[in-house]
Amino acid sequence: MATINLNKATSLVNGKLIIKLALAACSYLLVLIFIPLIFSIFRKNQFIIFHLRQGASLLIFWVILAFSFYIPILFWIATVVVLTYIIIGISNVIMQKEKHLPLIGKLAL
């Protein structure tokens, strides 16, 4: 018979944790970066601010790479790289880690 860890289950039901994770995950969804930006002004949560900075550096990286659309193969490679960074960032949020994105994470604002 499987046992359930009640501490972990109750922490997932906690509304504050879900809001914190949702705001941090929105930081990586490029256009939705303004939602956690607005909420981080009112809530001084270091977890959200860390992922907001990582998402902002990803957005700047994406804007720079967007000019590569003149060369189709380079544009597709850039798209795959940005999507990979989005997946890495959101997985870090789900695991509740403050881990920098590869290559661009150290350049966060």
Foldseek 3Di string as FASTA:
>chain_A
DDDDDVVVVVVVVDPVLVVLLVLLLLLLVLVSLVVNVVVCVVPVDPLSVLSNQLSVLLNVQLVVQVVVVVPPVSNVVSVVVSVVQSVVSSVCSVVVHSDAGPPRRVVGD
